[in-house]
C-alpha cells in the first residue's frame, strides 16, 4: 500500500496534460468569425432540442414502436452501503471503489431506455465486426457498455457512471447520417452516493445536454463561451423512478 501511495504522489507531481488547440490553425480558420456564426445556429438548435421537454410523455409523437430497455429485477433492487465516502486513490483523493463495488453502483443507477423504433437502426445492440472486418452492431443481443470517469466540482473529485448504448446507424437522411451511432448517459455522484447531475451526449460529441438535480443549477457562462443546454432540472432520485436519456435529437 505504501508503494502505491508513493507511486500516485510521484505521478501527481509530474503529469501534465497539454491542450489540443493549434494557434495558427485557429487563425487561418477565422475562428472568431466562425464562432459568432456558429453561436447563432446553436441558439436555434437549443430551442429545438428544448421543445420536447415542454410536453408530457403522452404528448410526444411516436412514429414506430416504443421499445423499452431496462435493468434486470436484481439490478434494480441493489442497495448501497456507502463506499464512496471512504474509497479513494492514495494521494489523489479520487473515489475508487473496487470492481464489485463499482458494479453495484452501475446496477443501482442504471437508467430505463425507451426508443421510438422504426427500423433496425433504432435498436440497441452489441458492437462487433462483420466477416470483412468492418464494425457492426448486433441488435439481437442488446447490451449497455459501462465505464467510470471523474469530474472536479467545487474542489471535490466526483465519480461518474457512464452508460454507452450503440445503434447500427443514424438513419435520418441528413448530413449526420451514416453507419454506427451511440448515446452516452452519465450519472455524477456526490460522496454520499447521491446523483448530483445527469448528462447525455452522442458518442461523436454532439448534442450535449445537462440535467441538474434539486439543489443545483447551471450558472451563466462568461460572454463568448458556448452555452450549456439544460432543458429541465431532473427530479429527485428514487430507486423506484429511474431516469432515462433525453428525447433523441434526430
Protein backbone atom coordinates (compact mmCIF):
# COMPACT_ATOMS: atom_id res chain seq x y z
CA UNK A 1 0.00 0.00 0.00
CA UNK A 2 2.79 2.44 0.83
CA UNK A 3 4.39 1.70 -2.53
CA UNK A 4 1.09 2.53 -4.28
CA UNK A 5 0.80 5.76 -2.29
CA UNK A 6 4.31 6.85 -3.29
CA UNK A 7 3.57 5.97 -6.92
CA UNK A 8 0.48 8.20 -7.08
CA UNK A 9 2.24 11.07 -5.31
CA UNK A 10 5.06 10.97 -7.88
CA UNK A 11 2.60 10.95 -10.78
CA UNK A 12 0.66 13.83 -9.29
CA UNK A 13 3.76 16.00 -9.37
CA UNK A 14 4.99 15.22 -12.89
CA UNK A 15 1.96 14.53 -15.11
CA UNK A 16 0.95 17.50 -17.26
CA UNK A 17 -1.80 17.30 -19.88
CA UNK A 18 -1.32 19.80 -22.77
CA UNK A 19 -4.36 21.15 -24.62
CA UNK A 20 -5.05 20.20 -28.24
CA UNK A 21 -5.51 23.72 -29.63
CA UNK A 22 -3.22 24.73 -32.52
CA UNK A 23 -2.99 28.52 -32.67
CA UNK A 24 -2.13 29.01 -36.34
CA UNK A 25 -4.98 26.76 -37.47
CA UNK A 26 -7.46 28.79 -35.44
CA UNK A 27 -6.18 31.99 -37.10
CA UNK A 28 -6.29 30.58 -40.64
CA UNK A 29 -9.77 29.20 -39.97
CA UNK A 30 -11.05 32.65 -38.94
CA UNK A 31 -12.09 31.16 -35.62
CA UNK A 32 -13.56 34.37 -34.08
CA UNK A 33 -15.84 34.92 -37.09
CA UNK A 34 -16.83 31.28 -37.37
CA UNK A 35 -17.59 31.14 -33.65
CA UNK A 36 -20.07 34.03 -33.92
CA UNK A 37 -21.90 32.39 -36.82
CA UNK A 38 -21.98 29.05 -35.03
CA UNK A 39 -23.43 30.66 -31.90
CA UNK A 40 -26.50 31.88 -33.83
CA UNK A 41 -27.08 28.41 -35.24
CA UNK A 42 -26.54 26.88 -31.80
CA UNK A 43 -29.24 29.05 -30.27
CA UNK A 44 -31.80 27.77 -32.79
CA UNK A 45 -30.69 24.18 -32.17
CA UNK A 46 -31.07 24.55 -28.41
CA UNK A 47 -34.63 25.81 -28.83
CA UNK A 48 -35.47 22.80 -31.00
CA UNK A 49 -33.94 20.35 -28.52
CA UNK A 50 -35.64 22.01 -25.54
CA UNK A 51 -39.13 21.82 -27.07
CA UNK A 52 -39.85 18.11 -26.32
CA UNK A 53 -39.23 18.70 -22.62
CA UNK A 54 -42.09 21.20 -22.54
CA UNK A 55 -44.53 18.37 -23.30
CA UNK A 56 -45.75 15.48 -21.22
CA UNK A 57 -44.59 11.98 -22.31
CA UNK A 58 -48.07 11.24 -23.63
CA UNK A 59 -47.86 14.25 -25.97
CA UNK A 60 -44.61 13.16 -27.64
CA UNK A 61 -45.20 11.76 -31.14
CA UNK A 62 -44.47 8.07 -31.71
CA UNK A 63 -43.74 7.12 -35.31
CA UNK A 64 -42.93 3.45 -34.77
CA UNK A 65 -42.98 1.02 -31.84
CA UNK A 66 -41.80 2.03 -28.37
CA UNK A 67 -39.22 -0.50 -27.19
CA UNK A 68 -38.14 -0.42 -23.55
CA UNK A 69 -34.69 -1.48 -22.31
CA UNK A 70 -34.34 -1.73 -18.54
CA UNK A 71 -32.08 -3.34 -15.94
CA UNK A 72 -32.90 -6.74 -14.51
CA UNK A 73 -35.01 -7.05 -11.36
CA UNK A 74 -31.87 -7.97 -9.42
CA UNK A 75 -30.05 -4.83 -10.53
CA UNK A 76 -32.99 -2.64 -9.60
CA UNK A 77 -33.05 -3.94 -6.02
CA UNK A 78 -29.36 -3.30 -5.21
CA UNK A 79 -28.70 -1.32 -2.03
CA UNK A 80 -25.52 0.63 -1.33
CA UNK A 81 -23.61 0.61 1.98
CA UNK A 82 -21.83 3.94 1.44
CA UNK A 83 -18.43 3.13 -0.07
CA UNK A 84 -17.59 6.39 -1.78
CA UNK A 85 -17.01 8.39 1.38
CA UNK A 86 -14.08 6.11 2.22
CA UNK A 87 -12.86 4.85 -1.18
CA UNK A 88 -10.07 6.86 -2.77
CA UNK A 89 -6.73 6.54 -4.53
CA UNK A 90 -3.85 7.44 -2.19
CA UNK A 91 -2.54 10.96 -2.72
CA UNK A 92 -5.12 11.92 -5.37
CA UNK A 93 -8.37 11.96 -3.39
CA UNK A 94 -10.21 10.26 -6.29
CA UNK A 95 -13.16 7.96 -5.50
CA UNK A 96 -12.02 4.46 -6.42
CA UNK A 97 -14.41 1.66 -5.44
CA UNK A 98 -13.21 -1.83 -6.32
CA UNK A 99 -14.69 -3.87 -9.17
CA UNK A 100 -17.51 -5.38 -7.12
CA UNK A 101 -18.47 -2.06 -5.53
CA UNK A 102 -18.38 -0.29 -8.90
CA UNK A 103 -20.62 -2.93 -10.50
CA UNK A 104 -23.18 -2.44 -7.74
CA UNK A 105 -23.13 1.31 -8.28
CA UNK A 106 -23.68 0.81 -12.01
CA UNK A 107 -26.58 -1.57 -11.33
CA UNK A 108 -28.16 0.74 -8.80
CA UNK A 109 -28.23 3.80 -11.09
CA UNK A 110 -28.95 2.05 -14.41
CA UNK A 111 -31.44 4.08 -16.49
CA UNK A 112 -34.51 2.83 -18.32
CA UNK A 113 -34.39 3.47 -22.07
CA UNK A 114 -37.40 3.83 -24.37
CA UNK A 115 -36.72 4.10 -28.10
CA UNK A 116 -39.23 5.02 -30.81
CA UNK A 117 -38.28 2.17 -33.15
CA UNK A 118 -38.98 2.43 -36.88
CA UNK A 119 -36.12 0.35 -38.30
CA UNK A 120 -33.27 -1.82 -37.10
CA UNK A 121 -31.18 1.37 -36.90
CA UNK A 122 -33.22 2.31 -33.82
CA UNK A 123 -32.35 -0.85 -31.87
CA UNK A 124 -29.66 -1.06 -29.20
CA UNK A 125 -27.04 -3.75 -29.76
CA UNK A 126 -23.60 -5.19 -29.18
CA UNK A 127 -20.66 -3.68 -31.07
CA UNK A 128 -18.56 -6.12 -33.11
CA UNK A 129 -17.09 -6.92 -36.54
CA UNK A 130 -18.55 -8.46 -39.67
CA UNK A 131 -16.82 -11.09 -41.82
CA UNK A 132 -14.97 -8.36 -43.73
CA UNK A 133 -13.59 -6.75 -40.59
CA UNK A 134 -15.97 -3.80 -40.62
CA UNK A 135 -17.66 -2.64 -37.40
CA UNK A 136 -21.31 -3.51 -36.86
CA UNK A 137 -23.93 -3.52 -34.12
CA UNK A 138 -25.67 -6.85 -33.45
CA UNK A 139 -29.18 -5.90 -32.33
CA UNK A 140 -30.05 -9.48 -31.43
CA UNK A 141 -28.03 -9.04 -28.25
CA UNK A 142 -28.80 -5.62 -26.70
CA UNK A 143 -26.21 -4.60 -24.12
CA UNK A 144 -25.11 -1.48 -22.28
CA UNK A 145 -21.40 -0.68 -22.00
CA UNK A 146 -20.40 0.82 -18.66
CA UNK A 147 -17.26 2.65 -17.58
CA UNK A 148 -16.31 5.18 -14.86
CA UNK A 149 -14.94 8.70 -15.25
CA UNK A 150 -14.25 11.54 -12.84
CA UNK A 151 -15.23 15.19 -12.50
CA UNK A 152 -13.90 18.08 -10.45
CA UNK A 153 -16.68 20.10 -8.83
CA UNK A 154 -16.20 22.75 -6.11
CA UNK A 155 -12.73 21.35 -5.32
CA UNK A 156 -14.13 17.85 -4.98
CA UNK A 157 -13.35 14.84 -7.17
CA UNK A 158 -16.55 13.02 -8.05
CA UNK A 159 -17.22 9.62 -9.56
CA UNK A 160 -19.22 9.47 -12.79
CA UNK A 161 -21.04 6.40 -14.11
CA UNK A 162 -21.18 6.23 -17.93
CA UNK A 163 -23.72 4.08 -19.80
CA UNK A 164 -22.98 3.70 -23.53
CA UNK A 165 -25.66 2.45 -25.95
CA UNK A 166 -24.73 1.51 -29.54
CA UNK A 167 -27.07 1.67 -32.55
CA UNK A 168 -26.38 0.26 -36.05
CA UNK A 169 -26.76 3.58 -37.84
CA UNK A 170 -28.02 7.13 -37.76
CA UNK A 171 -30.74 6.77 -40.36
CA UNK A 172 -32.14 10.31 -40.55
CA UNK A 173 -31.46 11.40 -44.13
CA UNK A 174 -29.42 14.46 -43.08
CA UNK A 175 -25.71 15.26 -43.28
CA UNK A 176 -25.11 13.46 -39.97
CA UNK A 177 -26.49 10.14 -41.25
CA UNK A 178 -24.22 7.14 -41.52
CA UNK A 179 -23.20 3.81 -40.11
CA UNK A 180 -23.00 3.45 -36.31
CA UNK A 181 -24.42 5.79 -33.72
CA UNK A 182 -24.17 5.82 -29.95
CA UNK A 183 -25.59 7.62 -26.94
CA UNK A 184 -23.92 8.12 -23.56
CA UNK A 185 -25.95 8.66 -20.38
CA UNK A 186 -23.87 9.73 -17.38
CA UNK A 187 -24.59 9.97 -13.66
CA UNK A 188 -22.37 12.17 -11.48
CA UNK A 189 -22.38 11.09 -7.81
CA UNK A 190 -21.53 13.05 -4.70
CA UNK A 191 -19.57 11.46 -1.82
CA UNK A 192 -22.82 10.24 -0.24
CA UNK A 193 -23.62 8.22 -3.40
CA UNK A 194 -26.45 10.52 -4.44
CA UNK A 195 -26.81 11.83 -8.02
CA UNK A 196 -25.74 15.44 -8.39
CA UNK A 197 -26.49 15.69 -12.12
CA UNK A 198 -27.24 13.64 -15.21
CA UNK A 199 -25.99 14.44 -18.68
CA UNK A 200 -26.21 12.89 -22.12
CA UNK A 201 -24.27 13.18 -25.34
CA UNK A 202 -23.81 11.32 -28.59
CA UNK A 203 -20.53 9.43 -28.75
CA UNK A 204 -19.44 11.71 -31.61
CA UNK A 205 -19.52 14.64 -29.17
CA UNK A 206 -22.77 16.21 -30.45
CA UNK A 207 -25.99 17.19 -28.70
CA UNK A 208 -24.73 17.59 -25.14
CA UNK A 209 -27.49 18.08 -22.56
CA UNK A 210 -27.24 18.56 -18.78
CA UNK A 211 -29.91 17.79 -16.17
CA UNK A 212 -29.04 19.06 -12.67
CA UNK A 213 -30.85 17.58 -9.67
CA UNK A 214 -32.60 19.65 -6.98
CA UNK A 215 -30.15 21.93 -5.20
CA UNK A 216 -28.03 22.56 -8.30
CA UNK A 217 -28.40 24.74 -11.39
CA UNK A 218 -26.42 25.74 -14.47
CA UNK A 219 -24.80 29.14 -13.96
CA UNK A 220 -24.37 31.71 -16.71
CA UNK A 221 -21.05 31.39 -18.52
CA UNK A 222 -18.77 34.32 -19.38
CA UNK A 223 -19.62 36.22 -22.57
CA UNK A 224 -18.36 34.39 -25.63
CA UNK A 225 -18.44 30.92 -24.07
CA UNK A 226 -20.66 28.27 -25.67
CA UNK A 227 -23.87 27.96 -23.60
CA UNK A 228 -24.78 24.66 -21.96
CA UNK A 229 -28.15 23.20 -22.87
CA UNK A 230 -30.00 22.31 -19.65
CA UNK A 231 -33.61 21.78 -20.84
CA UNK A 232 -35.05 20.91 -17.40
CA UNK A 233 -33.96 20.02 -13.90
CA UNK A 234 -34.11 16.32 -13.07
CA UNK A 235 -36.44 15.12 -10.31
CA UNK A 236 -35.00 13.93 -7.02
CA UNK A 237 -33.55 10.42 -7.26
CA UNK A 238 -35.54 7.42 -6.07
CA UNK A 239 -34.74 3.82 -6.98
CA UNK A 240 -38.38 3.30 -7.99
CA UNK A 241 -38.29 6.15 -10.51
CA UNK A 242 -35.27 5.67 -12.71
CA UNK A 243 -34.26 8.37 -15.19
CA UNK A 244 -33.60 7.87 -18.87
CA UNK A 245 -31.84 9.75 -21.65
CA UNK A 246 -33.47 12.82 -23.10
CA UNK A 247 -35.64 12.64 -26.21
CA UNK A 248 -33.18 11.97 -29.04
CA UNK A 249 -32.06 14.80 -31.26
CA UNK A 250 -32.87 13.04 -34.53
